[in-house]
């Protein structure tokens, strides 16, 4: 299995990537933010680093030791995954369930579900706009808990479907 796919197929690592997109963080900071042990955070961070999804950007002296800070490697690692999409989709579904439990009751949002037949030009235009919106959000990401920042969750999957299996036509 592709190392990137293996790394992306775990909800904790997906959340870590989100956290280190806006600012470099250490395993200790990630452990605190995620509510996991330092050892577990270090393990997951090593998996992201080994897969080329996170990179070491800073080493600081701290309490007689060295604190290594990592950030997410820029790009579209989920969109770039073509093989084993069901595994990524299951991880995203698990992440969405967890985030939905933390949604602010009074917070504005957008949610949709659709299975549609559309003009290919419309599909390509919509796909580009969806990707552009996601790139904008990622490029504007701030460090966790930045004063005045809005903490958001987003999970998007839009893709062409195969024709319905024979016998399922109406």
C-alpha atoms as a PDB file:
ATOM      1  CA  UNK A   1       0.000   0.000   0.000  1.00  0.00           C
ATOM      2  CA  UNK A   2       1.158   3.534  -0.791  1.00  0.00           C
ATOM      3  CA  UNK A   3       2.793   5.110   2.323  1.00  0.00           C
ATOM      4  CA  UNK A   4       0.817   8.341   1.813  1.00  0.00           C
ATOM      5  CA  UNK A   5      -2.434   6.434   1.633  1.00  0.00           C
ATOM      6  CA  UNK A   6      -1.536   4.434   4.750  1.00  0.00           C
ATOM      7  CA  UNK A   7      -0.725   7.672   6.599  1.00  0.00           C
ATOM      8  CA  UNK A   8      -3.920   9.393   5.430  1.00  0.00           C
ATOM      9  CA  UNK A   9      -6.086   6.439   6.386  1.00  0.00           C
ATOM     10  CA  UNK A  10      -6.056   7.240  10.106  1.00  0.00           C
ATOM     11  CA  UNK A  11      -8.341   9.912  11.609  1.00  0.00           C
ATOM     12  CA  UNK A  12      -5.761  11.094  14.161  1.00  0.00           C
ATOM     13  CA  UNK A  13      -3.222  11.704  11.408  1.00  0.00           C
ATOM     14  CA  UNK A  14      -5.806  13.559   9.307  1.00  0.00           C
ATOM     15  CA  UNK A  15      -6.535  15.804  12.271  1.00  0.00           C
ATOM     16  CA  UNK A  16      -2.814  16.310  12.882  1.00  0.00           C
ATOM     17  CA  UNK A  17      -2.340  17.405   9.272  1.00  0.00           C
ATOM     18  CA  UNK A  18      -5.116  19.940   9.733  1.00  0.00           C
ATOM     19  CA  UNK A  19      -3.511  21.277  12.901  1.00  0.00           C
ATOM     20  CA  UNK A  20      -0.018  21.597  11.439  1.00  0.00           C
ATOM     21  CA  UNK A  21      -1.262  23.237   8.251  1.00  0.00           C
ATOM     22  CA  UNK A  22      -1.563  26.680   9.858  1.00  0.00           C
ATOM     23  CA  UNK A  23       1.463  26.512  12.129  1.00  0.00           C
ATOM     24  CA  UNK A  24       4.343  24.221  12.951  1.00  0.00           C
ATOM     25  CA  UNK A  25       3.732  22.135  16.075  1.00  0.00           C
ATOM     26  CA  UNK A  26       5.647  19.625  18.162  1.00  0.00           C
ATOM     27  CA  UNK A  27       4.485  16.175  19.199  1.00  0.00           C
ATOM     28  CA  UNK A  28       3.918  17.525  22.719  1.00  0.00           C
ATOM     29  CA  UNK A  29       1.701  20.343  21.410  1.00  0.00           C
ATOM     30  CA  UNK A  30      -0.217  17.933  19.189  1.00  0.00           C
ATOM     31  CA  UNK A  31      -0.658  15.497  22.074  1.00  0.00           C
ATOM     32  CA  UNK A  32      -2.118  18.284  24.208  1.00  0.00           C
ATOM     33  CA  UNK A  33      -4.407  19.514  21.416  1.00  0.00           C
ATOM     34  CA  UNK A  34      -5.653  16.041  20.500  1.00  0.00           C
ATOM     35  CA  UNK A  35      -5.904  14.677  24.034  1.00  0.00           C
ATOM     36  CA  UNK A  36      -3.578  11.755  23.309  1.00  0.00           C
ATOM     37  CA  UNK A  37      -0.305  10.617  24.851  1.00  0.00           C
ATOM     38  CA  UNK A  38       2.969  12.170  23.767  1.00  0.00           C
ATOM     39  CA  UNK A  39       4.143   8.746  22.591  1.00  0.00           C
ATOM     40  CA  UNK A  40       1.072   8.287  20.381  1.00  0.00           C
ATOM     41  CA  UNK A  41       1.391  11.798  18.948  1.00  0.00           C
ATOM     42  CA  UNK A  42       5.086  11.153  18.216  1.00  0.00           C
ATOM     43  CA  UNK A  43       4.232   7.874  16.470  1.00  0.00           C
ATOM     44  CA  UNK A  44       1.596   9.475  14.250  1.00  0.00           C
ATOM     45  CA  UNK A  45       3.838  12.444  13.483  1.00  0.00           C
ATOM     46  CA  UNK A  46       6.636  10.070  12.423  1.00  0.00           C
ATOM     47  CA  UNK A  47       4.182   8.283  10.107  1.00  0.00           C
ATOM     48  CA  UNK A  48       3.256  11.609   8.486  1.00  0.00           C
ATOM     49  CA  UNK A  49       6.923  12.567   8.167  1.00  0.00           C
ATOM     50  CA  UNK A  50       7.911   9.172   6.736  1.00  0.00           C
ATOM     51  CA  UNK A  51       5.110   9.446   4.158  1.00  0.00           C
ATOM     52  CA  UNK A  52       6.282  12.900   3.068  1.00  0.00           C
ATOM     53  CA  UNK A  53       3.130  14.621   4.374  1.00  0.00           C
ATOM     54  CA  UNK A  54       4.828  16.531   7.219  1.00  0.00           C
ATOM     55  CA  UNK A  55       8.240  18.143   7.360  1.00  0.00           C
ATOM     56  CA  UNK A  56      10.572  19.206  10.138  1.00  0.00           C
ATOM     57  CA  UNK A  57      10.839  23.000  10.128  1.00  0.00           C
ATOM     58  CA  UNK A  58      12.366  23.890  13.485  1.00  0.00           C
ATOM     59  CA  UNK A  59      14.311  22.333  16.357  1.00  0.00           C
ATOM     60  CA  UNK A  60      14.282  24.229  19.658  1.00  0.00           C
ATOM     61  CA  UNK A  61      15.998  23.630  22.968  1.00  0.00           C
ATOM     62  CA  UNK A  62      13.366  22.928  25.608  1.00  0.00           C
ATOM     63  CA  UNK A  63      13.755  21.713  29.195  1.00  0.00           C
ATOM     64  CA  UNK A  64      17.141  20.160  28.545  1.00  0.00           C
ATOM     65  CA  UNK A  65      15.907  18.402  25.408  1.00  0.00           C
ATOM     66  CA  UNK A  66      15.107  19.220  21.827  1.00  0.00           C
ATOM     67  CA  UNK A  67      11.626  20.023  20.590  1.00  0.00           C
ATOM     68  CA  UNK A  68      11.052  19.217  16.930  1.00  0.00           C
ATOM     69  CA  UNK A  69       8.314  21.214  15.216  1.00  0.00           C
ATOM     70  CA  UNK A  70       6.623  19.999  12.036  1.00  0.00           C
ATOM     71  CA  UNK A  71       4.259  21.475   9.487  1.00  0.00           C
ATOM     72  CA  UNK A  72       2.140  19.915   6.768  1.00  0.00           C
ATOM     73  CA  UNK A  73       3.694  19.660   3.338  1.00  0.00           C
ATOM     74  CA  UNK A  74       1.609  21.808   1.020  1.00  0.00           C
ATOM     75  CA  UNK A  75      -0.446  20.204  -1.695  1.00  0.00           C
ATOM     76  CA  UNK A  76      -3.641  18.199  -2.028  1.00  0.00           C
ATOM     77  CA  UNK A  77      -2.783  14.798  -0.573  1.00  0.00           C
ATOM     78  CA  UNK A  78      -6.371  13.575  -0.373  1.00  0.00           C
ATOM     79  CA  UNK A  79      -7.355  14.758  -3.849  1.00  0.00           C
ATOM     80  CA  UNK A  80      -4.171  13.244  -5.243  1.00  0.00           C
ATOM     81  CA  UNK A  81      -5.154   9.772  -3.957  1.00  0.00           C
ATOM     82  CA  UNK A  82      -6.838   7.862  -6.757  1.00  0.00           C
ATOM     83  CA  UNK A  83      -6.268   4.305  -5.560  1.00  0.00           C
ATOM     84  CA  UNK A  84      -8.091   2.870  -2.552  1.00  0.00           C
ATOM     85  CA  UNK A  85     -10.559   5.760  -2.401  1.00  0.00           C
ATOM     86  CA  UNK A  86     -12.980   3.702  -0.220  1.00  0.00           C
ATOM     87  CA  UNK A  87     -10.352   3.609   2.560  1.00  0.00           C
ATOM     88  CA  UNK A  88      -9.956   7.395   2.460  1.00  0.00           C
ATOM     89  CA  UNK A  89     -13.745   7.820   2.342  1.00  0.00           C
ATOM     90  CA  UNK A  90     -14.168   5.672   5.468  1.00  0.00           C
ATOM     91  CA  UNK A  91     -11.555   7.727   7.324  1.00  0.00           C
ATOM     92  CA  UNK A  92     -13.276  10.939   6.235  1.00  0.00           C
ATOM     93  CA  UNK A  93     -16.640   9.557   7.385  1.00  0.00           C
ATOM     94  CA  UNK A  94     -15.181   8.755  10.810  1.00  0.00           C
ATOM     95  CA  UNK A  95     -13.640  12.233  11.002  1.00  0.00           C
ATOM     96  CA  UNK A  96     -16.935  13.837   9.976  1.00  0.00           C
ATOM     97  CA  UNK A  97     -18.832  11.899  12.672  1.00  0.00           C
ATOM     98  CA  UNK A  98     -16.347  13.062  15.307  1.00  0.00           C
ATOM     99  CA  UNK A  99     -16.452  16.690  14.144  1.00  0.00           C
ATOM    100  CA  UNK A 100     -20.247  16.706  13.893  1.00  0.00           C
ATOM    101  CA  UNK A 101     -20.356  15.945  17.603  1.00  0.00           C
ATOM    102  CA  UNK A 102     -18.335  19.122  18.237  1.00  0.00           C
ATOM    103  CA  UNK A 103     -20.405  21.434  15.977  1.00  0.00           C
ATOM    104  CA  UNK A 104     -21.518  24.684  17.605  1.00  0.00           C
ATOM    105  CA  UNK A 105     -25.313  24.666  17.768  1.00  0.00           C
ATOM    106  CA  UNK A 106     -25.538  28.333  16.759  1.00  0.00           C
ATOM    107  CA  UNK A 107     -22.779  28.220  14.140  1.00  0.00           C
ATOM    108  CA  UNK A 108     -23.505  28.819  10.471  1.00  0.00           C
ATOM    109  CA  UNK A 109     -22.438  26.100   8.104  1.00  0.00           C
ATOM    110  CA  UNK A 110     -23.171  24.436   4.812  1.00  0.00           C
ATOM    111  CA  UNK A 111     -24.023  20.813   4.248  1.00  0.00           C
ATOM    112  CA  UNK A 112     -25.289  19.028   1.182  1.00  0.00           C
ATOM    113  CA  UNK A 113     -25.611  15.600  -0.294  1.00  0.00           C
ATOM    114  CA  UNK A 114     -26.318  14.909  -3.933  1.00  0.00           C
ATOM    115  CA  UNK A 115     -26.166  12.278  -6.623  1.00  0.00           C
ATOM    116  CA  UNK A 116     -26.794  14.175  -9.843  1.00  0.00           C
ATOM    117  CA  UNK A 117     -26.316  14.030 -13.597  1.00  0.00           C
ATOM    118  CA  UNK A 118     -24.837  17.316 -14.842  1.00  0.00           C
ATOM    119  CA  UNK A 119     -23.192  18.754 -17.923  1.00  0.00           C
ATOM    120  CA  UNK A 120     -19.444  17.868 -17.984  1.00  0.00           C
ATOM    121  CA  UNK A 121     -18.505  21.546 -18.268  1.00  0.00           C
ATOM    122  CA  UNK A 122     -20.575  22.401 -15.191  1.00  0.00           C
ATOM    123  CA  UNK A 123     -18.963  19.515 -13.279  1.00  0.00           C
ATOM    124  CA  UNK A 124     -15.436  20.647 -14.179  1.00  0.00           C
ATOM    125  CA  UNK A 125     -16.222  24.259 -13.219  1.00  0.00           C
ATOM    126  CA  UNK A 126     -17.781  23.209  -9.899  1.00  0.00           C
ATOM    127  CA  UNK A 127     -14.855  20.863  -9.137  1.00  0.00           C
ATOM    128  CA  UNK A 128     -12.362  23.688  -9.747  1.00  0.00           C
ATOM    129  CA  UNK A 129     -14.338  26.087  -7.513  1.00  0.00           C
ATOM    130  CA  UNK A 130     -14.578  23.506  -4.714  1.00  0.00           C
ATOM    131  CA  UNK A 131     -10.815  22.919  -4.869  1.00  0.00           C
ATOM    132  CA  UNK A 132     -10.164  26.682  -4.956  1.00  0.00           C
ATOM    133  CA  UNK A 133     -12.308  27.199  -1.842  1.00  0.00           C
ATOM    134  CA  UNK A 134     -10.440  24.424  -0.025  1.00  0.00           C
ATOM    135  CA  UNK A 135      -7.073  25.885  -1.071  1.00  0.00           C
ATOM    136  CA  UNK A 136      -8.215  29.313   0.211  1.00  0.00           C
ATOM    137  CA  UNK A 137      -9.143  27.820   3.586  1.00  0.00           C
ATOM    138  CA  UNK A 138      -5.855  25.936   3.852  1.00  0.00           C
ATOM    139  CA  UNK A 139      -3.787  28.966   2.835  1.00  0.00           C
ATOM    140  CA  UNK A 140      -5.601  31.081   5.417  1.00  0.00           C
ATOM    141  CA  UNK A 141      -5.135  28.545   8.213  1.00  0.00           C
ATOM    142  CA  UNK A 142      -3.826  30.015  11.472  1.00  0.00           C
ATOM    143  CA  UNK A 143      -2.219  28.408  14.476  1.00  0.00           C
ATOM    144  CA  UNK A 144      -4.702  26.574  16.731  1.00  0.00           C
ATOM    145  CA  UNK A 145      -6.406  28.887  19.241  1.00  0.00           C
ATOM    146  CA  UNK A 146      -5.299  32.101  17.477  1.00  0.00           C
ATOM    147  CA  UNK A 147      -7.321  34.892  19.141  1.00  0.00           C
ATOM    148  CA  UNK A 148     -10.227  35.974  16.941  1.00  0.00           C
ATOM    149  CA  UNK A 149      -9.947  32.946  14.647  1.00  0.00           C
ATOM    150  CA  UNK A 150     -12.974  30.782  13.853  1.00  0.00           C
ATOM    151  CA  UNK A 151     -12.406  27.053  14.439  1.00  0.00           C
ATOM    152  CA  UNK A 152     -14.014  25.209  11.519  1.00  0.00           C
ATOM    153  CA  UNK A 153     -14.312  21.688  10.211  1.00  0.00           C
ATOM    154  CA  UNK A 154     -14.714  20.809   6.572  1.00  0.00           C
ATOM    155  CA  UNK A 155     -15.058  17.476   4.835  1.00  0.00           C
ATOM    156  CA  UNK A 156     -15.718  17.483   1.104  1.00  0.00           C
ATOM    157  CA  UNK A 157     -15.846  14.630  -1.350  1.00  0.00           C
ATOM    158  CA  UNK A 158     -17.116  15.294  -4.862  1.00  0.00           C
ATOM    159  CA  UNK A 159     -16.399  12.817  -7.634  1.00  0.00           C
ATOM    160  CA  UNK A 160     -17.870  11.275 -10.786  1.00  0.00           C
ATOM    161  CA  UNK A 161     -19.774   8.028 -10.272  1.00  0.00           C
ATOM    162  CA  UNK A 162     -19.854   4.858 -12.325  1.00  0.00           C
ATOM    163  CA  UNK A 163     -23.094   3.979 -14.020  1.00  0.00           C
ATOM    164  CA  UNK A 164     -25.591   2.155 -11.811  1.00  0.00           C
ATOM    165  CA  UNK A 165     -25.241  -1.632 -11.855  1.00  0.00           C
ATOM    166  CA  UNK A 166     -27.615  -3.440 -14.217  1.00  0.00           C
ATOM    167  CA  UNK A 167     -31.006  -4.017 -12.689  1.00  0.00           C
ATOM    168  CA  UNK A 168     -30.929  -0.853 -10.579  1.00  0.00           C
ATOM    169  CA  UNK A 169     -32.277   1.369 -13.355  1.00  0.00           C
ATOM    170  CA  UNK A 170     -35.720   2.892 -12.916  1.00  0.00           C
END
